[in-house]
């Protein structure tokens, strides 16, 4: 617990911390407004909310570029267990808040439960992809971004087709909620394994271009 608090305090020294905090808040607010307006029947609002979890991962990863951090005893942990641990904790918190809202909407508007279920399943799948994406993106930036965009478009199209064919009628909202927590658990494990596999690969200059520019 003490180590977790220590790393959270160190985040304020990460790359463009204030700017990224502003973007984190903007994404969260947009997602929250979208969830309220659509009554949880679309995936975009919930996706924006869970998307904010990767900012904590980014804060910790950017610390590894500091000479002071690299020479310290926690240098290796910056790129290994701590970003995964903090990202996992924040993911559970954000997903739980989203679930509370979605279950409330399902009770208030039972006629929308199918849309609540299908859109939440979409969020679960994208959540899993985000875990894999963040494991690779800071080492292989351009390739990771291109693959993520292609995967996002492919899954969105596929889910819309499946929804139009009423393939989600046999899946309950409760089952999708449980599936989401399983996704977070498995995603965090895979993210850790990816970070461990790529620990010796240098940080991509494209991922933190400003840091490398300042170093010249």
N, C-alpha and C. Protein backbone atom coordinates (compact mmCIF):
# COMPACT_ATOMS: atom_id res chain seq x y z
N UNK A 1 0.83 -1.21 0.00
CA UNK A 1 0.00 0.00 0.00
C UNK A 1 0.86 1.26 0.00
N UNK A 2 1.95 1.21 0.79
CA UNK A 2 2.84 2.37 0.86
C UNK A 2 3.51 2.63 -0.49
N UNK A 3 3.90 1.54 -1.18
CA UNK A 3 4.51 1.68 -2.50
C UNK A 3 3.53 2.29 -3.49
N UNK A 4 2.27 1.87 -3.41
CA UNK A 4 1.24 2.39 -4.32
C UNK A 4 1.07 3.89 -4.12
N UNK A 5 1.00 4.32 -2.86
CA UNK A 5 0.87 5.75 -2.56
C UNK A 5 2.09 6.52 -3.05
N UNK A 6 3.28 5.91 -2.90
CA UNK A 6 4.53 6.54 -3.34
C UNK A 6 4.50 6.78 -4.84
N UNK A 7 4.06 5.77 -5.59
CA UNK A 7 4.00 5.90 -7.04
C UNK A 7 2.95 6.92 -7.48
N UNK A 8 1.85 6.98 -6.77
CA UNK A 8 0.82 7.98 -7.09
C UNK A 8 1.35 9.39 -6.90
N UNK A 9 2.14 9.58 -5.86
CA UNK A 9 2.74 10.89 -5.61
C UNK A 9 3.75 11.25 -6.70
N UNK A 10 4.46 10.24 -7.20
CA UNK A 10 5.46 10.47 -8.24
C UNK A 10 4.82 10.86 -9.58
N UNK A 11 3.56 10.53 -9.75
CA UNK A 11 2.88 10.79 -11.03
C UNK A 11 2.89 12.26 -11.41
N UNK A 12 2.95 13.14 -10.41
CA UNK A 12 2.93 14.58 -10.71
C UNK A 12 4.21 15.01 -11.43
N UNK A 13 5.23 14.16 -11.44
CA UNK A 13 6.47 14.45 -12.16
C UNK A 13 6.49 13.81 -13.54
N UNK A 14 5.38 13.21 -13.95
CA UNK A 14 5.32 12.55 -15.25
C UNK A 14 5.21 13.55 -16.38
N UNK A 15 5.35 13.06 -17.60
CA UNK A 15 5.35 13.90 -18.79
C UNK A 15 4.01 14.60 -18.99
N UNK A 16 4.04 15.96 -19.06
CA UNK A 16 2.85 16.78 -19.28
C UNK A 16 1.70 16.38 -18.36
N UNK A 17 1.99 16.27 -17.08
CA UNK A 17 1.01 15.80 -16.09
C UNK A 17 -0.26 16.66 -16.09
N UNK A 18 -0.11 17.98 -16.00
CA UNK A 18 -1.28 18.85 -15.93
C UNK A 18 -2.13 18.78 -17.18
N UNK A 19 -1.46 18.74 -18.33
CA UNK A 19 -2.20 18.65 -19.60
C UNK A 19 -2.99 17.35 -19.68
N UNK A 20 -2.34 16.25 -19.30
CA UNK A 20 -3.01 14.95 -19.36
C UNK A 20 -4.13 14.83 -18.34
N UNK A 21 -3.98 15.49 -17.19
CA UNK A 21 -5.06 15.50 -16.20
C UNK A 21 -6.29 16.20 -16.77
N UNK A 22 -6.05 17.29 -17.51
CA UNK A 22 -7.16 18.02 -18.14
C UNK A 22 -7.88 17.12 -19.15
N UNK A 23 -7.10 16.41 -19.98
CA UNK A 23 -7.70 15.50 -20.96
C UNK A 23 -8.43 14.36 -20.26
N UNK A 24 -7.88 13.86 -19.18
CA UNK A 24 -8.53 12.79 -18.40
C UNK A 24 -9.91 13.25 -17.93
N UNK A 25 -9.96 14.45 -17.38
CA UNK A 25 -11.22 15.00 -16.88
C UNK A 25 -12.21 15.21 -18.02
N UNK A 26 -11.71 15.73 -19.16
CA UNK A 26 -12.57 15.97 -20.33
C UNK A 26 -13.20 14.67 -20.82
N UNK A 27 -12.37 13.64 -20.98
CA UNK A 27 -12.87 12.33 -21.42
C UNK A 27 -13.92 11.79 -20.45
N UNK A 28 -13.63 11.90 -19.16
CA UNK A 28 -14.56 11.38 -18.15
C UNK A 28 -15.89 12.13 -18.19
N UNK A 29 -15.83 13.45 -18.28
CA UNK A 29 -17.06 14.27 -18.30
C UNK A 29 -17.87 13.99 -19.55
N UNK A 30 -17.20 13.90 -20.71
CA UNK A 30 -17.91 13.59 -21.96
C UNK A 30 -18.60 12.24 -21.86
N UNK A 31 -17.87 11.27 -21.31
CA UNK A 31 -18.44 9.94 -21.14
C UNK A 31 -19.62 9.93 -20.20
N UNK A 32 -19.50 10.67 -19.10
CA UNK A 32 -20.58 10.74 -18.11
C UNK A 32 -21.82 11.39 -18.71
N UNK A 33 -21.63 12.49 -19.43
CA UNK A 33 -22.77 13.18 -20.06
C UNK A 33 -23.45 12.26 -21.08
N UNK A 34 -22.64 11.57 -21.88
CA UNK A 34 -23.18 10.66 -22.89
C UNK A 34 -23.97 9.53 -22.25
N UNK A 35 -23.46 8.98 -21.14
CA UNK A 35 -24.17 7.91 -20.43
C UNK A 35 -25.53 8.40 -19.93
N UNK A 36 -25.55 9.60 -19.38
CA UNK A 36 -26.79 10.16 -18.83
C UNK A 36 -27.80 10.44 -19.93
N UNK A 37 -27.32 11.06 -21.02
CA UNK A 37 -28.22 11.43 -22.12
C UNK A 37 -28.79 10.19 -22.80
N UNK A 38 -27.96 9.18 -23.03
CA UNK A 38 -28.41 7.97 -23.74
C UNK A 38 -29.01 6.92 -22.80
N UNK A 39 -28.99 7.20 -21.50
CA UNK A 39 -29.50 6.25 -20.49
C UNK A 39 -28.77 4.90 -20.53
N UNK A 40 -27.49 4.95 -20.91
CA UNK A 40 -26.68 3.74 -20.92
C UNK A 40 -26.99 2.79 -22.05
N UNK A 41 -27.60 3.28 -23.12
CA UNK A 41 -27.97 2.40 -24.23
C UNK A 41 -26.92 2.35 -25.34
N UNK A 42 -25.88 3.21 -25.23
CA UNK A 42 -24.81 3.22 -26.21
C UNK A 42 -23.48 2.98 -25.53
N UNK A 43 -22.50 2.53 -26.31
CA UNK A 43 -21.21 2.15 -25.72
C UNK A 43 -20.22 3.31 -25.61
N UNK A 44 -20.41 4.38 -26.40
CA UNK A 44 -19.38 5.41 -26.50
C UNK A 44 -19.11 6.11 -25.17
N UNK A 45 -20.18 6.44 -24.43
CA UNK A 45 -20.01 7.12 -23.15
C UNK A 45 -19.24 6.27 -22.15
N UNK A 46 -19.63 5.01 -22.04
CA UNK A 46 -18.94 4.10 -21.13
C UNK A 46 -17.51 3.86 -21.56
N UNK A 47 -17.27 3.82 -22.88
CA UNK A 47 -15.92 3.62 -23.38
C UNK A 47 -15.03 4.81 -23.02
N UNK A 48 -15.55 6.02 -23.12
CA UNK A 48 -14.78 7.20 -22.73
C UNK A 48 -14.42 7.16 -21.24
N UNK A 49 -15.35 6.67 -20.45
CA UNK A 49 -15.12 6.60 -19.00
C UNK A 49 -13.99 5.62 -18.69
N UNK A 50 -14.07 4.40 -19.24
CA UNK A 50 -13.03 3.42 -18.96
C UNK A 50 -11.71 3.77 -19.65
N UNK A 51 -11.78 4.57 -20.71
CA UNK A 51 -10.58 4.99 -21.42
C UNK A 51 -9.66 5.81 -20.53
N UNK A 52 -10.23 6.51 -19.57
CA UNK A 52 -9.42 7.35 -18.68
C UNK A 52 -8.46 6.51 -17.82
N UNK A 53 -8.71 5.22 -17.71
CA UNK A 53 -7.84 4.37 -16.88
C UNK A 53 -6.43 4.28 -17.46
N UNK A 54 -6.29 4.44 -18.78
CA UNK A 54 -4.96 4.30 -19.38
C UNK A 54 -4.07 5.50 -19.07
N UNK A 55 -4.67 6.61 -18.63
CA UNK A 55 -3.85 7.78 -18.29
C UNK A 55 -2.94 7.50 -17.11
N UNK A 56 -3.42 6.75 -16.14
CA UNK A 56 -2.59 6.41 -14.99
C UNK A 56 -1.42 5.54 -15.43
N UNK A 57 -1.68 4.63 -16.34
CA UNK A 57 -0.62 3.80 -16.91
C UNK A 57 0.41 4.68 -17.61
N UNK A 58 -0.07 5.68 -18.35
CA UNK A 58 0.82 6.58 -19.08
C UNK A 58 1.66 7.42 -18.12
N UNK A 59 1.04 7.91 -17.04
CA UNK A 59 1.77 8.71 -16.07
C UNK A 59 2.97 7.94 -15.53
N UNK A 60 2.74 6.69 -15.14
CA UNK A 60 3.79 5.88 -14.54
C UNK A 60 4.86 5.53 -15.58
N UNK A 61 4.44 5.18 -16.80
CA UNK A 61 5.39 4.80 -17.84
C UNK A 61 6.32 5.97 -18.18
N UNK A 62 5.79 7.17 -18.23
CA UNK A 62 6.63 8.32 -18.59
C UNK A 62 7.67 8.63 -17.53
N UNK A 63 7.43 8.18 -16.30
CA UNK A 63 8.41 8.38 -15.23
C UNK A 63 9.69 7.61 -15.50
N UNK A 64 9.59 6.53 -16.24
CA UNK A 64 10.76 5.68 -16.51
C UNK A 64 11.79 6.40 -17.37
N UNK A 65 11.41 7.53 -17.95
CA UNK A 65 12.31 8.28 -18.80
C UNK A 65 13.13 9.30 -18.01
N UNK A 66 12.85 9.40 -16.72
CA UNK A 66 13.60 10.31 -15.86
C UNK A 66 14.91 9.65 -15.42
N UNK A 67 16.03 10.37 -15.55
CA UNK A 67 17.32 9.83 -15.14
C UNK A 67 17.33 9.52 -13.64
N UNK A 68 16.63 10.35 -12.87
CA UNK A 68 16.58 10.14 -11.42
C UNK A 68 15.86 8.84 -11.09
N UNK A 69 14.78 8.56 -11.80
CA UNK A 69 14.01 7.34 -11.55
C UNK A 69 14.77 6.11 -12.02
N UNK A 70 15.39 6.22 -13.22
CA UNK A 70 16.09 5.07 -13.78
C UNK A 70 17.24 4.61 -12.90
N UNK A 71 17.87 5.56 -12.21
CA UNK A 71 19.01 5.22 -11.36
C UNK A 71 18.60 4.77 -9.97
N UNK A 72 17.31 4.81 -9.67
CA UNK A 72 16.83 4.45 -8.34
C UNK A 72 16.47 2.96 -8.29
N UNK A 73 16.13 2.50 -7.10
CA UNK A 73 15.80 1.08 -6.90
C UNK A 73 14.44 0.72 -7.48
N UNK A 74 13.63 1.72 -7.82
CA UNK A 74 12.28 1.44 -8.33
C UNK A 74 12.20 1.59 -9.84
N UNK A 75 13.36 1.81 -10.48
CA UNK A 75 13.37 2.04 -11.92
C UNK A 75 12.71 0.92 -12.71
N UNK A 76 13.03 -0.32 -12.39
CA UNK A 76 12.47 -1.47 -13.12
C UNK A 76 10.97 -1.60 -12.88
N UNK A 77 10.53 -1.32 -11.65
CA UNK A 77 9.11 -1.47 -11.33
C UNK A 77 8.25 -0.46 -12.06
N UNK A 78 8.85 0.68 -12.47
CA UNK A 78 8.11 1.70 -13.20
C UNK A 78 7.53 1.12 -14.49
N UNK A 79 8.29 0.27 -15.16
CA UNK A 79 7.82 -0.28 -16.43
C UNK A 79 7.21 -1.67 -16.29
N UNK A 80 7.11 -2.17 -15.07
CA UNK A 80 6.64 -3.53 -14.92
C UNK A 80 5.35 -3.63 -14.10
N UNK A 81 5.47 -3.84 -12.81
CA UNK A 81 4.27 -4.16 -12.04
C UNK A 81 3.42 -2.96 -11.65
N UNK A 82 4.05 -1.79 -11.38
CA UNK A 82 3.27 -0.66 -10.89
C UNK A 82 2.27 -0.08 -11.90
N UNK A 83 2.66 0.14 -13.16
CA UNK A 83 1.65 0.66 -14.10
C UNK A 83 0.47 -0.28 -14.27
N UNK A 84 0.76 -1.60 -14.27
CA UNK A 84 -0.31 -2.59 -14.41
C UNK A 84 -1.20 -2.59 -13.17
N UNK A 85 -0.58 -2.52 -12.00
CA UNK A 85 -1.33 -2.55 -10.75
C UNK A 85 -2.24 -1.33 -10.62
N UNK A 86 -1.69 -0.15 -10.87
CA UNK A 86 -2.47 1.08 -10.75
C UNK A 86 -3.56 1.16 -11.82
N UNK A 87 -3.23 0.73 -13.02
CA UNK A 87 -4.22 0.71 -14.10
C UNK A 87 -5.35 -0.26 -13.79
N UNK A 88 -5.00 -1.41 -13.21
CA UNK A 88 -6.02 -2.41 -12.85
C UNK A 88 -6.95 -1.91 -11.77
N UNK A 89 -6.38 -1.25 -10.76
CA UNK A 89 -7.20 -0.72 -9.66
C UNK A 89 -8.17 0.34 -10.17
N UNK A 90 -7.65 1.28 -10.97
CA UNK A 90 -8.51 2.34 -11.51
C UNK A 90 -9.56 1.76 -12.45
N UNK A 91 -9.19 0.73 -13.21
CA UNK A 91 -10.15 0.10 -14.13
C UNK A 91 -11.32 -0.51 -13.37
N UNK A 92 -11.02 -1.18 -12.26
CA UNK A 92 -12.08 -1.79 -11.44
C UNK A 92 -13.00 -0.72 -10.87
N UNK A 93 -12.41 0.38 -10.40
CA UNK A 93 -13.21 1.47 -9.82
C UNK A 93 -14.13 2.08 -10.88
N UNK A 94 -13.56 2.41 -12.05
CA UNK A 94 -14.36 3.03 -13.11
C UNK A 94 -15.44 2.09 -13.62
N UNK A 95 -15.09 0.83 -13.79
CA UNK A 95 -16.06 -0.15 -14.30
C UNK A 95 -17.19 -0.36 -13.29
N UNK A 96 -16.85 -0.37 -12.01
CA UNK A 96 -17.87 -0.55 -10.97
C UNK A 96 -18.84 0.63 -10.97
N UNK A 97 -18.32 1.85 -11.11
CA UNK A 97 -19.18 3.03 -11.18
C UNK A 97 -20.09 2.95 -12.40
N UNK A 98 -19.54 2.50 -13.51
CA UNK A 98 -20.33 2.36 -14.73
C UNK A 98 -21.42 1.31 -14.55
N UNK A 99 -21.10 0.22 -13.89
CA UNK A 99 -22.06 -0.86 -13.66
C UNK A 99 -23.20 -0.39 -12.77
N UNK A 100 -22.88 0.35 -11.74
CA UNK A 100 -23.91 0.88 -10.83
C UNK A 100 -24.91 1.72 -11.61
N UNK A 101 -24.38 2.57 -12.50
CA UNK A 101 -25.26 3.41 -13.31
C UNK A 101 -26.08 2.57 -14.29
N UNK A 102 -25.43 1.61 -14.95
CA UNK A 102 -26.13 0.79 -15.94
C UNK A 102 -27.24 -0.05 -15.30
N UNK A 103 -26.98 -0.62 -14.14
CA UNK A 103 -28.00 -1.42 -13.45
C UNK A 103 -29.16 -0.54 -13.00
N UNK A 104 -28.85 0.68 -12.60
CA UNK A 104 -29.91 1.63 -12.21
C UNK A 104 -30.79 1.96 -13.40
N UNK A 105 -30.14 2.20 -14.57
CA UNK A 105 -30.89 2.52 -15.78
C UNK A 105 -31.75 1.34 -16.23
N UNK A 106 -31.24 0.13 -16.03
CA UNK A 106 -31.99 -1.07 -16.42
C UNK A 106 -33.26 -1.22 -15.59
N UNK A 107 -33.20 -0.81 -14.33
CA UNK A 107 -34.38 -0.88 -13.46
C UNK A 107 -35.38 0.24 -13.77
N UNK A 108 -34.85 1.41 -14.04
CA UNK A 108 -35.72 2.55 -14.34
C UNK A 108 -36.34 2.44 -15.73
N UNK A 109 -35.55 1.96 -16.69
CA UNK A 109 -36.01 1.83 -18.07
C UNK A 109 -35.82 0.39 -18.55
N UNK A 110 -36.62 -0.54 -18.10
CA UNK A 110 -36.48 -1.96 -18.48
C UNK A 110 -36.63 -2.20 -19.97
N UNK A 111 -37.27 -1.28 -20.66
CA UNK A 111 -37.44 -1.45 -22.10
C UNK A 111 -36.12 -1.30 -22.86
N UNK A 112 -35.13 -0.73 -22.20
CA UNK A 112 -33.83 -0.51 -22.84
C UNK A 112 -32.78 -1.56 -22.46
N UNK A 113 -33.19 -2.61 -21.77
CA UNK A 113 -32.21 -3.54 -21.21
C UNK A 113 -31.38 -4.25 -22.28
N UNK A 114 -31.98 -4.51 -23.44
CA UNK A 114 -31.22 -5.17 -24.50
C UNK A 114 -30.09 -4.27 -25.00
N UNK A 115 -30.41 -2.98 -25.17
CA UNK A 115 -29.39 -2.02 -25.59
C UNK A 115 -28.34 -1.82 -24.50
N UNK A 116 -28.78 -1.82 -23.24
CA UNK A 116 -27.84 -1.72 -22.12
C UNK A 116 -26.85 -2.88 -22.14
N UNK A 117 -27.38 -4.06 -22.40
CA UNK A 117 -26.57 -5.27 -22.40
C UNK A 117 -25.59 -5.31 -23.56
N UNK A 118 -26.07 -5.07 -24.78
CA UNK A 118 -25.20 -5.14 -25.96
C UNK A 118 -24.12 -4.07 -25.93
N UNK A 119 -24.46 -2.86 -25.49
CA UNK A 119 -23.46 -1.79 -25.44
C UNK A 119 -22.43 -2.05 -24.35
N UNK A 120 -22.86 -2.65 -23.23
CA UNK A 120 -21.91 -2.97 -22.16
C UNK A 120 -20.96 -4.08 -22.60
N UNK A 121 -21.47 -5.02 -23.36
CA UNK A 121 -20.61 -6.08 -23.89
C UNK A 121 -19.55 -5.50 -24.82
N UNK A 122 -19.95 -4.50 -25.59
CA UNK A 122 -19.00 -3.81 -26.47
C UNK A 122 -17.92 -3.14 -25.64
N UNK A 123 -18.31 -2.52 -24.54
CA UNK A 123 -17.35 -1.86 -23.65
C UNK A 123 -16.39 -2.88 -23.05
N UNK A 124 -16.91 -4.04 -22.64
CA UNK A 124 -16.07 -5.10 -22.08
C UNK A 124 -14.98 -5.52 -23.07
N UNK A 125 -15.39 -5.72 -24.31
CA UNK A 125 -14.44 -6.16 -25.34
C UNK A 125 -13.38 -5.08 -25.60
N UNK A 126 -13.82 -3.82 -25.69
CA UNK A 126 -12.87 -2.74 -25.92
C UNK A 126 -11.96 -2.54 -24.72
N UNK A 127 -12.48 -2.80 -23.52
CA UNK A 127 -11.68 -2.73 -22.31
C UNK A 127 -10.52 -3.72 -22.39
N UNK A 128 -10.83 -4.91 -22.85
CA UNK A 128 -9.80 -5.94 -22.99
C UNK A 128 -8.74 -5.51 -24.00
N UNK A 129 -9.18 -4.95 -25.10
CA UNK A 129 -8.25 -4.49 -26.13
C UNK A 129 -7.37 -3.36 -25.60
N UNK A 130 -7.92 -2.49 -24.76
CA UNK A 130 -7.15 -1.41 -24.17
C UNK A 130 -6.00 -1.93 -23.30
N UNK A 131 -6.26 -3.00 -22.56
CA UNK A 131 -5.21 -3.59 -21.73
C UNK A 131 -4.05 -4.07 -22.61
N UNK A 132 -4.38 -4.75 -23.71
CA UNK A 132 -3.34 -5.25 -24.62
C UNK A 132 -2.64 -4.08 -25.30
N UNK A 133 -3.43 -3.11 -25.74
CA UNK A 133 -2.90 -1.94 -26.44
C UNK A 133 -1.89 -1.18 -25.60
N UNK A 134 -2.22 -0.92 -24.33
CA UNK A 134 -1.31 -0.16 -23.47
C UNK A 134 -0.04 -0.93 -23.15
N UNK A 135 -0.11 -2.26 -23.24
CA UNK A 135 1.09 -3.06 -23.02
C UNK A 135 2.12 -2.88 -24.13
N UNK A 136 1.63 -2.60 -25.35
CA UNK A 136 2.52 -2.48 -26.51
C UNK A 136 2.82 -1.04 -26.92
N UNK A 137 1.86 -0.13 -26.73
CA UNK A 137 1.91 1.17 -27.40
C UNK A 137 3.12 2.03 -27.03
N UNK A 138 3.62 1.93 -25.81
CA UNK A 138 4.75 2.78 -25.41
C UNK A 138 6.09 2.23 -25.89
N UNK A 139 6.07 1.04 -26.48
CA UNK A 139 7.28 0.46 -27.05
C UNK A 139 7.20 0.42 -28.58
N UNK A 140 6.00 0.14 -29.11
CA UNK A 140 5.78 0.11 -30.55
C UNK A 140 4.58 1.01 -30.87
N UNK A 141 4.80 2.30 -30.85
CA UNK A 141 3.71 3.28 -30.86
C UNK A 141 2.88 3.24 -32.14
N UNK A 142 3.51 3.49 -33.27
CA UNK A 142 2.76 3.64 -34.52
C UNK A 142 2.00 2.38 -34.90
N UNK A 143 2.67 1.24 -34.82
CA UNK A 143 2.03 -0.04 -35.16
C UNK A 143 0.85 -0.32 -34.24
N UNK A 144 1.03 -0.05 -32.94
CA UNK A 144 -0.03 -0.30 -31.96
C UNK A 144 -1.26 0.56 -32.22
N UNK A 145 -1.03 1.83 -32.54
CA UNK A 145 -2.14 2.75 -32.81
C UNK A 145 -2.92 2.31 -34.05
N UNK A 146 -2.20 1.94 -35.10
CA UNK A 146 -2.86 1.51 -36.34
C UNK A 146 -3.69 0.24 -36.12
N UNK A 147 -3.10 -0.72 -35.40
CA UNK A 147 -3.83 -1.97 -35.12
C UNK A 147 -5.04 -1.71 -34.25
N UNK A 148 -4.89 -0.83 -33.25
CA UNK A 148 -6.01 -0.51 -32.37
C UNK A 148 -7.16 0.11 -33.16
N UNK A 149 -6.86 1.08 -34.02
CA UNK A 149 -7.91 1.74 -34.81
C UNK A 149 -8.63 0.75 -35.72
N UNK A 150 -7.85 -0.16 -36.36
CA UNK A 150 -8.45 -1.16 -37.23
C UNK A 150 -9.34 -2.12 -36.43
N UNK A 151 -8.83 -2.55 -35.28
CA UNK A 151 -9.59 -3.48 -34.43
C UNK A 151 -10.86 -2.84 -33.92
N UNK A 152 -10.76 -1.57 -33.50
CA UNK A 152 -11.93 -0.83 -33.00
C UNK A 152 -13.01 -0.76 -34.08
N UNK A 153 -12.62 -0.41 -35.30
CA UNK A 153 -13.59 -0.31 -36.40
C UNK A 153 -14.21 -1.67 -36.72
N UNK A 154 -13.39 -2.71 -36.72
CA UNK A 154 -13.86 -4.06 -37.03
C UNK A 154 -14.87 -4.55 -35.99
N UNK A 155 -14.54 -4.37 -34.71
CA UNK A 155 -15.42 -4.85 -33.64
C UNK A 155 -16.71 -4.04 -33.61
N UNK A 156 -16.61 -2.73 -33.80
CA UNK A 156 -17.81 -1.89 -33.82
C UNK A 156 -18.78 -2.34 -34.90
N UNK A 157 -18.26 -2.58 -36.09
CA UNK A 157 -19.10 -3.04 -37.20
C UNK A 157 -19.72 -4.40 -36.90
N UNK A 158 -18.90 -5.31 -36.38
CA UNK A 158 -19.38 -6.65 -36.06
C UNK A 158 -20.46 -6.64 -34.99
N UNK A 159 -20.25 -5.83 -33.95
CA UNK A 159 -21.23 -5.75 -32.87
C UNK A 159 -22.55 -5.15 -33.35
N UNK A 160 -22.47 -4.16 -34.22
CA UNK A 160 -23.69 -3.54 -34.76
C UNK A 160 -24.48 -4.55 -35.60
N UNK A 161 -23.77 -5.37 -36.36
CA UNK A 161 -24.44 -6.40 -37.17
C UNK A 161 -25.10 -7.44 -36.27
N UNK A 162 -24.37 -7.89 -35.25
CA UNK A 162 -24.91 -8.88 -34.31
C UNK A 162 -26.12 -8.33 -33.56
N UNK A 163 -26.06 -7.04 -33.22
CA UNK A 163 -27.18 -6.41 -32.51
C UNK A 163 -28.42 -6.32 -33.40
N UNK A 164 -28.20 -6.02 -34.67
CA UNK A 164 -29.33 -5.91 -35.61
C UNK A 164 -29.98 -7.27 -35.86
N UNK A 165 -29.22 -8.36 -35.65
CA UNK A 165 -29.75 -9.71 -35.84
C UNK A 165 -30.32 -10.29 -34.55
N UNK A 166 -30.41 -9.46 -33.50
CA UNK A 166 -30.96 -9.88 -32.20
C UNK A 166 -30.21 -11.06 -31.59
N UNK A 167 -28.89 -11.06 -31.72
CA UNK A 167 -28.09 -12.16 -31.19
C UNK A 167 -27.79 -12.00 -29.71
N UNK A 168 -28.21 -10.86 -29.12
CA UNK A 168 -27.94 -10.62 -27.71
C UNK A 168 -29.15 -10.89 -26.80
N UNK A 169 -30.20 -11.41 -27.38
CA UNK A 169 -31.43 -11.61 -26.60
C UNK A 169 -31.26 -12.69 -25.52
N UNK A 170 -30.33 -13.63 -25.72
CA UNK A 170 -30.14 -14.72 -24.76
C UNK A 170 -29.05 -14.42 -23.73
N UNK A 171 -28.45 -13.24 -23.84
CA UNK A 171 -27.39 -12.85 -22.90
C UNK A 171 -27.97 -11.86 -21.90
N UNK A 172 -27.81 -12.14 -20.61
CA UNK A 172 -28.37 -11.26 -19.58
C UNK A 172 -27.36 -10.17 -19.21
N UNK A 173 -27.88 -9.09 -18.66
CA UNK A 173 -27.04 -7.98 -18.22
C UNK A 173 -26.08 -8.43 -17.11
N UNK A 174 -26.57 -9.27 -16.22
CA UNK A 174 -25.74 -9.78 -15.13
C UNK A 174 -24.55 -10.58 -15.67
N UNK A 175 -24.79 -11.40 -16.68
CA UNK A 175 -23.71 -12.19 -17.27
C UNK A 175 -22.65 -11.30 -17.91
N UNK A 176 -23.10 -10.23 -18.54
CA UNK A 176 -22.16 -9.31 -19.18
C UNK A 176 -21.34 -8.55 -18.13
N UNK A 177 -21.97 -8.22 -17.00
CA UNK A 177 -21.26 -7.56 -15.90
C UNK A 177 -20.15 -8.46 -15.36
N UNK A 178 -20.49 -9.72 -15.11
CA UNK A 178 -19.49 -10.69 -14.62
C UNK A 178 -18.37 -10.86 -15.64
N UNK A 179 -18.75 -10.93 -16.91
CA UNK A 179 -17.77 -11.05 -17.98
C UNK A 179 -16.81 -9.87 -17.97
N UNK A 180 -17.31 -8.69 -17.68
CA UNK A 180 -16.48 -7.49 -17.64
C UNK A 180 -15.40 -7.57 -16.59
N UNK A 181 -15.75 -8.05 -15.39
CA UNK A 181 -14.75 -8.18 -14.33
C UNK A 181 -13.72 -9.25 -14.67
N UNK A 182 -14.16 -10.31 -15.34
CA UNK A 182 -13.22 -11.34 -15.79
C UNK A 182 -12.25 -10.77 -16.81
N UNK A 183 -12.78 -9.92 -17.70
CA UNK A 183 -11.96 -9.26 -18.72
C UNK A 183 -10.88 -8.40 -18.07
N UNK A 184 -11.24 -7.66 -17.04
CA UNK A 184 -10.26 -6.80 -16.35
C UNK A 184 -9.16 -7.66 -15.74
N UNK A 185 -9.53 -8.75 -15.10
CA UNK A 185 -8.57 -9.63 -14.45
C UNK A 185 -7.60 -10.25 -15.47
N UNK A 186 -8.16 -10.83 -16.53
CA UNK A 186 -7.33 -11.46 -17.55
C UNK A 186 -6.51 -10.41 -18.30
N UNK A 187 -7.14 -9.28 -18.59
CA UNK A 187 -6.45 -8.21 -19.30
C UNK A 187 -5.25 -7.69 -18.53
N UNK A 188 -5.40 -7.54 -17.21
CA UNK A 188 -4.29 -7.07 -16.38
C UNK A 188 -3.14 -8.08 -16.37
N UNK A 189 -3.47 -9.36 -16.33
CA UNK A 189 -2.43 -10.40 -16.35
C UNK A 189 -1.66 -10.37 -17.67
N UNK A 190 -2.40 -10.27 -18.79
CA UNK A 190 -1.76 -10.22 -20.10
C UNK A 190 -0.93 -8.95 -20.26
N UNK A 191 -1.45 -7.85 -19.73
CA UNK A 191 -0.72 -6.59 -19.79
C UNK A 191 0.62 -6.70 -19.04
N UNK A 192 0.59 -7.34 -17.89
CA UNK A 192 1.81 -7.55 -17.11
C UNK A 192 2.80 -8.41 -17.87
N UNK A 193 2.32 -9.49 -18.49
CA UNK A 193 3.19 -10.38 -19.23
C UNK A 193 3.82 -9.67 -20.43
N UNK A 194 3.04 -8.83 -21.08
CA UNK A 194 3.56 -8.06 -22.22
C UNK A 194 4.64 -7.09 -21.75
N UNK A 195 4.37 -6.38 -20.65
CA UNK A 195 5.36 -5.44 -20.10
C UNK A 195 6.64 -6.16 -19.70
N UNK A 196 6.48 -7.35 -19.15
CA UNK A 196 7.66 -8.14 -18.75
C UNK A 196 8.45 -8.60 -19.98
N UNK A 197 7.73 -8.99 -21.02
CA UNK A 197 8.36 -9.45 -22.25
C UNK A 197 9.13 -8.32 -22.93
N UNK A 198 8.58 -7.10 -22.85
CA UNK A 198 9.17 -5.96 -23.57
C UNK A 198 9.98 -5.03 -22.67
N UNK A 199 10.34 -5.51 -21.47
CA UNK A 199 11.01 -4.66 -20.50
C UNK A 199 12.32 -4.07 -21.04
N UNK A 200 13.02 -4.81 -21.90
CA UNK A 200 14.30 -4.34 -22.43
C UNK A 200 14.16 -3.52 -23.70
N UNK A 201 12.96 -3.46 -24.25
CA UNK A 201 12.73 -2.65 -25.45
C UNK A 201 12.63 -1.18 -25.05
N UNK A 202 13.38 -0.29 -25.69
CA UNK A 202 13.35 1.13 -25.32
C UNK A 202 11.99 1.77 -25.58
N UNK A 203 11.70 2.80 -24.81
CA UNK A 203 10.46 3.56 -25.00
C UNK A 203 10.44 4.18 -26.39
N UNK A 204 9.31 4.11 -27.06
CA UNK A 204 9.17 4.70 -28.39
C UNK A 204 9.26 6.22 -28.32
N UNK A 205 10.05 6.81 -29.21
CA UNK A 205 10.16 8.27 -29.25
C UNK A 205 8.84 8.91 -29.66
N UNK A 206 8.05 8.21 -30.44
CA UNK A 206 6.76 8.74 -30.87
C UNK A 206 5.76 8.80 -29.71
N UNK A 207 5.90 7.91 -28.74
CA UNK A 207 4.97 7.87 -27.61
C UNK A 207 5.11 9.08 -26.72
N UNK A 208 6.37 9.51 -26.50
CA UNK A 208 6.63 10.68 -25.67
C UNK A 208 7.58 11.61 -26.42
N UNK A 209 7.13 12.09 -27.56
CA UNK A 209 7.98 12.88 -28.45
C UNK A 209 8.51 14.13 -27.75
N UNK A 210 7.69 14.75 -26.90
CA UNK A 210 8.09 15.97 -26.21
C UNK A 210 9.28 15.77 -25.30
N UNK A 211 9.34 14.62 -24.66
CA UNK A 211 10.45 14.33 -23.75
C UNK A 211 11.75 14.24 -24.51
N UNK A 212 11.74 13.52 -25.62
CA UNK A 212 12.96 13.35 -26.43
C UNK A 212 13.36 14.68 -27.08
N UNK A 213 12.39 15.50 -27.42
CA UNK A 213 12.68 16.79 -28.03
C UNK A 213 13.38 17.71 -27.03
N UNK A 214 12.90 17.65 -25.77
CA UNK A 214 13.49 18.48 -24.72
C UNK A 214 14.90 18.02 -24.38
N UNK A 215 15.16 16.71 -24.59
CA UNK A 215 16.45 16.15 -24.21
C UNK A 215 17.55 16.51 -25.20
N UNK A 216 17.17 17.00 -26.38
CA UNK A 216 18.16 17.32 -27.41
C UNK A 216 18.80 18.69 -27.12
